[in-house]
Amino acid sequence: MSMLDRLFSSSNLFISDGGLETDLNFHTRADMPLFASFVLLDSPDGREMLRRYVDTYLDLAEAAGRSFVLGTPTWRANGGWGPKLGLDDPGIRDIAVLFNSPGICETLILGATIS
């Protein structure tokens, strides 16, 4: 059973994040051209902004005794928006592959070491 199948078939309630770009835009003044939050993955400061954002939701989930479903900051990394952000098809693929690789979210955003 896939992770998504397990999520949808679970009787447990989950907490998910919401409004990443809006939150970072208004609360941290993050520089995200065209609301593209994946650019934050390119710098330590950007990753720290993402880490703090995620930490708030992780703390909430822990306090509520719930699991947490994390979205990705890659929704603008696609053929429609990529060229507007200076990315060609291989650049878009690189971002999608990198961020969706097993453990990369934990490594880049959460700072965890993947064993």
C-alpha atoms as a PDB file:
ATOM      1  CA  MET A   1       0.000   0.000   0.000  1.00  0.00           C
ATOM      2  CA  SER A   2       1.402   3.367  -0.989  1.00  0.00           C
ATOM      3  CA  MET A   3       1.926   6.204   1.474  1.00  0.00           C
ATOM      4  CA  LEU A   4      -0.977   8.090  -0.096  1.00  0.00           C
ATOM      5  CA  ASP A   5      -3.271   5.062   0.163  1.00  0.00           C
ATOM      6  CA  ARG A   6      -2.343   4.682   3.828  1.00  0.00           C
ATOM      7  CA  LEU A   7      -3.022   8.360   4.435  1.00  0.00           C
ATOM      8  CA  PHE A   8      -6.458   8.285   2.826  1.00  0.00           C
ATOM      9  CA  SER A   9      -7.485   5.013   4.433  1.00  0.00           C
ATOM     10  CA  SER A  10      -6.349   5.994   7.926  1.00  0.00           C
ATOM     11  CA  SER A  11      -8.895   6.742  10.609  1.00  0.00           C
ATOM     12  CA  ASN A  12      -6.355   9.087  12.227  1.00  0.00           C
ATOM     13  CA  LEU A  13      -6.639  12.830  11.706  1.00  0.00           C
ATOM     14  CA  PHE A  14      -3.632  14.640  10.281  1.00  0.00           C
ATOM     15  CA  ILE A  15      -2.484  18.225  10.435  1.00  0.00           C
ATOM     16  CA  SER A  16      -1.235  19.835   7.238  1.00  0.00           C
ATOM     17  CA  ASP A  17       0.469  23.110   6.597  1.00  0.00           C
ATOM     18  CA  GLY A  18      -1.291  25.816   4.657  1.00  0.00           C
ATOM     19  CA  GLY A  19      -0.354  29.095   3.038  1.00  0.00           C
ATOM     20  CA  LEU A  20       3.428  28.697   2.917  1.00  0.00           C
ATOM     21  CA  GLU A  21       4.080  31.479   0.433  1.00  0.00           C
ATOM     22  CA  THR A  22       1.551  33.868   1.952  1.00  0.00           C
ATOM     23  CA  ASP A  23       2.938  33.272   5.440  1.00  0.00           C
ATOM     24  CA  LEU A  24       6.548  33.765   4.377  1.00  0.00           C
ATOM     25  CA  ASN A  25       5.691  36.792   2.259  1.00  0.00           C
ATOM     26  CA  PHE A  26       3.854  38.635   5.022  1.00  0.00           C
ATOM     27  CA  HIS A  27       5.730  37.451   8.124  1.00  0.00           C
ATOM     28  CA  THR A  28       9.330  37.233   6.922  1.00  0.00           C
ATOM     29  CA  ARG A  29       9.292  39.310   3.727  1.00  0.00           C
ATOM     30  CA  ALA A  30      10.893  36.352   1.931  1.00  0.00           C
ATOM     31  CA  ASP A  31      12.123  37.138  -1.566  1.00  0.00           C
ATOM     32  CA  MET A  32      10.117  34.735  -3.731  1.00  0.00           C
ATOM     33  CA  PRO A  33       9.860  35.833  -7.371  1.00  0.00           C
ATOM     34  CA  LEU A  34       6.336  35.104  -8.637  1.00  0.00           C
ATOM     35  CA  PHE A  35       5.542  33.463  -5.275  1.00  0.00           C
ATOM     36  CA  ALA A  36       7.992  30.642  -6.099  1.00  0.00           C
ATOM     37  CA  SER A  37       9.045  29.340  -2.686  1.00  0.00           C
ATOM     38  CA  PHE A  38      11.388  26.712  -4.113  1.00  0.00           C
ATOM     39  CA  VAL A  39      13.983  29.477  -4.573  1.00  0.00           C
ATOM     40  CA  LEU A  40      14.340  29.464  -0.776  1.00  0.00           C
ATOM     41  CA  LEU A  41      15.969  26.035  -1.014  1.00  0.00           C
ATOM     42  CA  ASP A  42      19.019  27.661  -2.627  1.00  0.00           C
ATOM     43  CA  SER A  43      20.318  29.439   0.460  1.00  0.00           C
ATOM     44  CA  PRO A  44      20.873  28.706   4.142  1.00  0.00           C
ATOM     45  CA  ASP A  45      18.689  31.713   5.077  1.00  0.00           C
ATOM     46  CA  GLY A  46      15.885  30.489   2.823  1.00  0.00           C
ATOM     47  CA  ARG A  47      16.078  26.966   4.236  1.00  0.00           C
ATOM     48  CA  GLU A  48      15.979  28.441   7.734  1.00  0.00           C
ATOM     49  CA  MET A  49      12.782  30.330   6.839  1.00  0.00           C
ATOM     50  CA  LEU A  50      11.262  27.066   5.609  1.00  0.00           C
ATOM     51  CA  ARG A  51      12.482  25.232   8.707  1.00  0.00           C
ATOM     52  CA  ARG A  52      10.867  27.772  11.050  1.00  0.00           C
ATOM     53  CA  TYR A  53       7.615  27.609   9.066  1.00  0.00           C
ATOM     54  CA  VAL A  54       7.530  23.807   9.271  1.00  0.00           C
ATOM     55  CA  ASP A  55       8.527  23.796  12.951  1.00  0.00           C
ATOM     56  CA  THR A  56       5.375  25.750  13.860  1.00  0.00           C
ATOM     57  CA  TYR A  57       3.203  23.051  12.315  1.00  0.00           C
ATOM     58  CA  LEU A  58       5.281  20.219  13.780  1.00  0.00           C
ATOM     59  CA  ASP A  59       4.879  21.756  17.240  1.00  0.00           C
ATOM     60  CA  LEU A  60       1.127  22.060  16.671  1.00  0.00           C
ATOM     61  CA  ALA A  61       0.863  18.440  15.493  1.00  0.00           C
ATOM     62  CA  GLU A  62       2.888  17.211  18.457  1.00  0.00           C
ATOM     63  CA  ALA A  63       0.768  19.183  20.931  1.00  0.00           C
ATOM     64  CA  ALA A  64      -2.394  17.794  19.333  1.00  0.00           C
ATOM     65  CA  GLY A  65      -1.025  14.244  19.207  1.00  0.00           C
ATOM     66  CA  ARG A  66      -1.493  14.133  15.425  1.00  0.00           C
ATOM     67  CA  SER A  67       0.620  13.199  12.449  1.00  0.00           C
ATOM     68  CA  PHE A  68       1.734  15.879  10.041  1.00  0.00           C
ATOM     69  CA  VAL A  69       1.479  16.012   6.240  1.00  0.00           C
ATOM     70  CA  LEU A  70       3.977  18.416   4.726  1.00  0.00           C
ATOM     71  CA  GLY A  71       3.420  20.036   1.358  1.00  0.00           C
ATOM     72  CA  THR A  72       6.348  20.979  -0.853  1.00  0.00           C
ATOM     73  CA  PRO A  73       7.541  24.416  -1.932  1.00  0.00           C
ATOM     74  CA  THR A  74       7.813  23.248  -5.545  1.00  0.00           C
ATOM     75  CA  TRP A  75       4.393  24.066  -6.999  1.00  0.00           C
ATOM     76  CA  ARG A  76       5.841  26.798  -9.241  1.00  0.00           C
ATOM     77  CA  ALA A  77       8.550  24.469 -10.600  1.00  0.00           C
ATOM     78  CA  ASN A  78       6.638  23.504 -13.732  1.00  0.00           C
ATOM     79  CA  GLY A  79       6.568  24.148 -17.461  1.00  0.00           C
ATOM     80  CA  GLY A  80       4.156  27.048 -17.149  1.00  0.00           C
ATOM     81  CA  TRP A  81       6.041  29.013 -14.496  1.00  0.00           C
ATOM     82  CA  GLY A  82       9.610  27.760 -14.896  1.00  0.00           C
ATOM     83  CA  PRO A  83      10.455  29.870 -17.957  1.00  0.00           C
ATOM     84  CA  LYS A  84       9.100  32.984 -16.213  1.00  0.00           C
ATOM     85  CA  LEU A  85      11.576  32.211 -13.420  1.00  0.00           C
ATOM     86  CA  GLY A  86      14.488  31.603 -15.792  1.00  0.00           C
ATOM     87  CA  LEU A  87      14.301  27.809 -15.737  1.00  0.00           C
ATOM     88  CA  ASP A  88      14.375  25.501 -18.726  1.00  0.00           C
ATOM     89  CA  ASP A  89      12.886  21.997 -18.730  1.00  0.00           C
ATOM     90  CA  PRO A  90      16.016  20.301 -17.302  1.00  0.00           C
ATOM     91  CA  GLY A  91      16.169  22.938 -14.535  1.00  0.00           C
ATOM     92  CA  ILE A  92      12.539  22.315 -13.643  1.00  0.00           C
ATOM     93  CA  ARG A  93      13.119  18.556 -13.592  1.00  0.00           C
ATOM     94  CA  ASP A  94      16.192  18.992 -11.390  1.00  0.00           C
ATOM     95  CA  ILE A  95      14.168  20.890  -8.796  1.00  0.00           C
ATOM     96  CA  ALA A  96      11.327  18.353  -8.841  1.00  0.00           C
ATOM     97  CA  VAL A  97      13.697  15.387  -8.635  1.00  0.00           C
ATOM     98  CA  LEU A  98      15.798  16.971  -5.917  1.00  0.00           C
ATOM     99  CA  PHE A  99      12.950  17.984  -3.660  1.00  0.00           C
ATOM    100  CA  ASN A 100      10.957  14.811  -4.141  1.00  0.00           C
ATOM    101  CA  SER A 101      13.902  12.487  -3.538  1.00  0.00           C
ATOM    102  CA  PRO A 102      13.534  10.313  -0.426  1.00  0.00           C
ATOM    103  CA  GLY A 103      14.769  12.164   2.625  1.00  0.00           C
ATOM    104  CA  ILE A 104      15.581  15.454   0.917  1.00  0.00           C
ATOM    105  CA  CYS A 105      12.797  17.348   2.672  1.00  0.00           C
ATOM    106  CA  GLU A 106      14.096  16.192   6.033  1.00  0.00           C
ATOM    107  CA  THR A 107      17.666  17.081   5.065  1.00  0.00           C
ATOM    108  CA  LEU A 108      17.104  20.477   3.451  1.00  0.00           C
ATOM    109  CA  ILE A 109      14.297  21.831   5.570  1.00  0.00           C
ATOM    110  CA  LEU A 110      14.262  19.963   8.837  1.00  0.00           C
ATOM    111  CA  GLY A 111      18.034  19.649   9.123  1.00  0.00           C
ATOM    112  CA  ALA A 112      17.801  15.958   9.935  1.00  0.00           C
ATOM    113  CA  THR A 113      20.465  13.476   8.974  1.00  0.00           C
ATOM    114  CA  ILE A 114      19.168  10.682   6.796  1.00  0.00           C
ATOM    115  CA  SER A 115      20.649   7.286   7.575  1.00  0.00           C
END
